[in-house]
Protein backbone atom coordinates (compact mmCIF):
# COMPACT_ATOMS: atom_id res chain seq x y z
CA MET A 1 -7.82 96.92 -47.27
CA ARG A 2 -5.73 98.23 -44.74
CA LYS A 3 -8.82 99.32 -42.35
CA PHE A 4 -10.15 95.40 -42.83
CA PHE A 5 -7.17 93.75 -41.29
CA CYS A 6 -7.11 96.27 -38.34
CA LEU A 7 -11.10 95.40 -37.57
CA ILE A 8 -10.31 91.54 -37.88
CA GLY A 9 -7.05 92.46 -35.51
CA VAL A 10 -9.67 94.26 -32.84
CA LEU A 11 -11.74 91.44 -33.30
CA ALA A 12 -9.08 89.18 -32.23
CA LEU A 13 -8.61 91.41 -29.52
CA ILE A 14 -12.48 91.39 -27.94
CA SER A 15 -12.29 87.61 -28.49
CA CYS A 16 -9.36 86.67 -26.43
CA SER A 17 -10.39 88.91 -23.52
CA GLU A 18 -13.24 87.25 -23.25
CA ASP A 19 -12.06 84.50 -23.65
CA ASN A 20 -9.42 84.82 -20.51
CA SER A 21 -12.35 86.73 -18.42
CA LYS A 22 -13.93 83.20 -18.81
CA GLN A 23 -10.91 81.31 -17.81
CA SER A 24 -10.62 83.39 -14.85
CA GLU A 25 -13.80 83.54 -13.41
CA ASN A 26 -14.20 79.80 -13.78
CA GLU A 27 -10.07 79.33 -12.12
CA PHE A 28 -11.64 82.02 -9.25
CA VAL A 29 -14.41 79.42 -8.63
CA HIS A 30 -12.36 76.68 -8.53
CA SER A 31 -9.34 77.25 -6.94
CA ASP A 32 -11.03 79.32 -4.06
CA PHE A 33 -14.10 77.72 -3.44
CA SER A 34 -14.10 73.73 -4.12
CA GLY A 35 -14.64 71.26 -1.25
CA VAL A 36 -16.36 73.84 1.43
CA GLN A 37 -16.92 71.42 3.96
CA ILE A 38 -19.73 72.47 6.64
CA ASN A 39 -20.33 70.15 9.48
CA VAL A 40 -22.36 70.22 12.49
CA SER A 41 -18.99 71.12 14.69
CA GLU A 42 -19.41 74.36 13.48
CA THR A 43 -20.24 77.36 15.93
CA ASP A 44 -18.85 80.40 14.92
CA ASP A 45 -21.77 82.50 12.87
CA ALA A 46 -19.25 84.83 11.15
CA CYS A 47 -17.88 83.55 7.35
CA LYS A 48 -14.33 82.68 6.97
CA PHE A 49 -14.51 83.10 2.97
CA ASN A 50 -13.99 86.68 0.78
CA SER A 51 -17.50 86.23 -0.88
CA GLU A 52 -20.40 87.11 -0.08
CA LEU A 53 -22.19 83.76 -1.73
CA VAL A 54 -19.85 81.66 -0.11
CA CYS A 55 -21.05 82.81 3.26
CA ALA A 56 -25.00 82.64 1.87
CA ILE A 57 -24.45 79.59 1.23
CA ASN A 58 -22.87 78.58 4.11
CA ASN A 59 -25.30 80.48 6.30
CA TYR A 60 -28.02 78.39 4.58
CA ILE A 61 -26.02 74.72 4.92
CA LEU A 62 -25.47 75.44 8.96
CA CYS A 63 -29.11 76.49 9.29
CA SER A 64 -30.21 73.17 7.25
CA ILE A 65 -27.98 71.10 10.13
CA ASN A 66 -29.54 73.56 12.63
CA PRO A 67 -31.77 75.82 11.94
CA GLU A 68 -31.28 77.04 15.78
CA ARG A 69 -28.60 79.07 15.48
CA ALA A 70 -28.67 82.88 15.71
CA TYR A 71 -28.47 83.37 11.45
CA CYS A 72 -30.86 81.14 11.24
CA ARG A 73 -33.37 82.76 13.82
CA GLN A 74 -32.50 86.39 12.62
CA ASN A 75 -33.18 85.80 8.96
CA LYS A 76 -36.32 82.75 9.34
CA LYS A 77 -38.54 85.10 7.53
CA GLU A 78 -35.61 85.59 4.19
CA LEU A 79 -34.58 81.48 4.55
CA PRO A 80 -37.12 79.26 3.16
CA ALA A 81 -39.69 77.67 5.36
CA PHE A 82 -38.52 74.07 4.71
CA VAL A 83 -35.38 74.94 6.59
CA PHE A 84 -37.03 75.38 10.56
CA MET A 85 -39.49 72.22 9.74
CA LYS A 86 -39.23 70.09 12.56
CA ASP A 87 -39.71 66.15 11.65
CA GLU A 88 -37.00 63.23 12.73
CA SER A 89 -37.68 61.42 9.01
CA LEU A 90 -36.31 64.59 7.43
CA LYS A 91 -32.66 63.27 8.14
CA ARG A 92 -30.72 66.55 8.16
CA PRO A 93 -27.31 66.21 7.55
CA THR A 94 -24.03 66.88 10.02
CA SER A 95 -21.83 67.83 6.95
CA GLN A 96 -22.06 68.89 3.33
CA THR A 97 -19.11 69.51 1.46
CA TYR A 98 -19.66 71.31 -2.01
CA GLU A 99 -17.65 72.38 -4.91
CA ILE A 100 -19.35 75.79 -7.49
CA VAL A 101 -19.52 74.67 -10.57
CA LYS A 102 -21.17 77.97 -12.10
CA MET A 103 -22.97 80.75 -11.76
CA LYS A 104 -26.23 82.39 -13.65
CA PRO A 105 -27.45 85.65 -12.77
CA LEU A 106 -31.41 85.99 -12.74
CA ALA A 107 -33.40 89.10 -13.29
CA ASP A 108 -35.10 90.66 -9.68
CA ASN A 109 -31.41 90.77 -7.94
CA GLN A 110 -30.73 87.00 -8.02
CA ILE A 111 -28.25 84.40 -8.93
CA GLU A 112 -28.14 80.45 -9.56
CA VAL A 113 -25.36 78.73 -7.82
CA TYR A 114 -24.81 75.43 -9.28
CA THR A 115 -22.49 73.37 -6.98
CA GLN A 116 -22.01 70.08 -6.47
CA SER A 117 -22.04 68.51 -3.59
CA VAL A 118 -21.77 65.45 -1.11
CA CYS A 119 -23.81 65.44 2.28
CA ASP A 120 -25.01 62.54 5.02
CA GLY A 121 -28.04 63.20 5.35
CA ASN A 122 -30.83 62.84 3.26
CA TRP A 123 -32.09 66.71 3.31
CA PHE A 124 -35.25 66.66 0.92
CA GLY A 125 -32.99 65.36 -1.98
CA LEU A 126 -31.34 69.34 -1.27
CA CYS A 127 -27.25 68.42 0.13
CA GLN A 128 -26.60 65.17 -3.07
CA GLY A 129 -25.59 65.79 -6.02
CA ASN A 130 -26.33 68.73 -8.45
CA ILE A 131 -27.35 71.32 -6.23
CA ILE A 132 -28.75 74.86 -7.44
CA PHE A 133 -28.88 77.87 -4.34
CA VAL A 134 -31.01 80.93 -5.58
CA LEU A 135 -29.66 83.59 -3.45
CA GLN A 136 -31.25 87.25 -3.61
CA ARG A 137 -29.85 90.45 -2.42
CA VAL A 138 -31.53 91.54 0.56
CA HIS A 139 -31.20 94.50 3.45
CA ASP A 140 -27.06 95.04 1.54
CA PHE A 141 -26.54 91.31 1.79
CA TRP A 142 -26.95 87.56 0.04
CA ILE A 143 -29.14 85.09 1.26
CA VAL A 144 -30.42 81.77 -0.14
CA LYS A 145 -33.77 82.01 -1.22
CA ASP A 146 -34.50 78.91 -2.42
CA VAL A 147 -32.71 75.55 -3.29
CA TYR A 148 -33.40 72.77 -5.60
CA ALA A 149 -31.78 69.20 -7.61
CA ARG A 150 -31.36 68.98 -11.13
CA GLU A 151 -30.19 65.03 -12.18
CA SER A 152 -27.31 67.75 -14.94
CA PHE A 153 -27.03 70.66 -15.46
């Protein structure tokens, strides 16, 4: 009987520690990276955030605003091809704000980053609403490989 109560105590501790790690992950996402704003006036290619994932998303957004940036040209083979399309009807954004809602690891060294975004353009519908960035580890850094929108998640 004593072993039974000890086992229940250990399971309760494990359960509490899992809840705390989920809570701290959510606090990290919401407190550090809520309302990240990127706009056309940013000229510095250096990322000011202490997160490779956030920097990768910011770099992608900066490329969607202006694909002529040095980062964009250097990583043209890695970024989604549509970023470099030239067509006036695309209505590229000049600013975008996003909040990271959750992250989901995938196979093949990839991760999905779920965001809620607001922008002042159209951009294939990939900057307004529920936007998911698919990032992959390439040459020891994260890069956005794909982007898609969902009605809800």
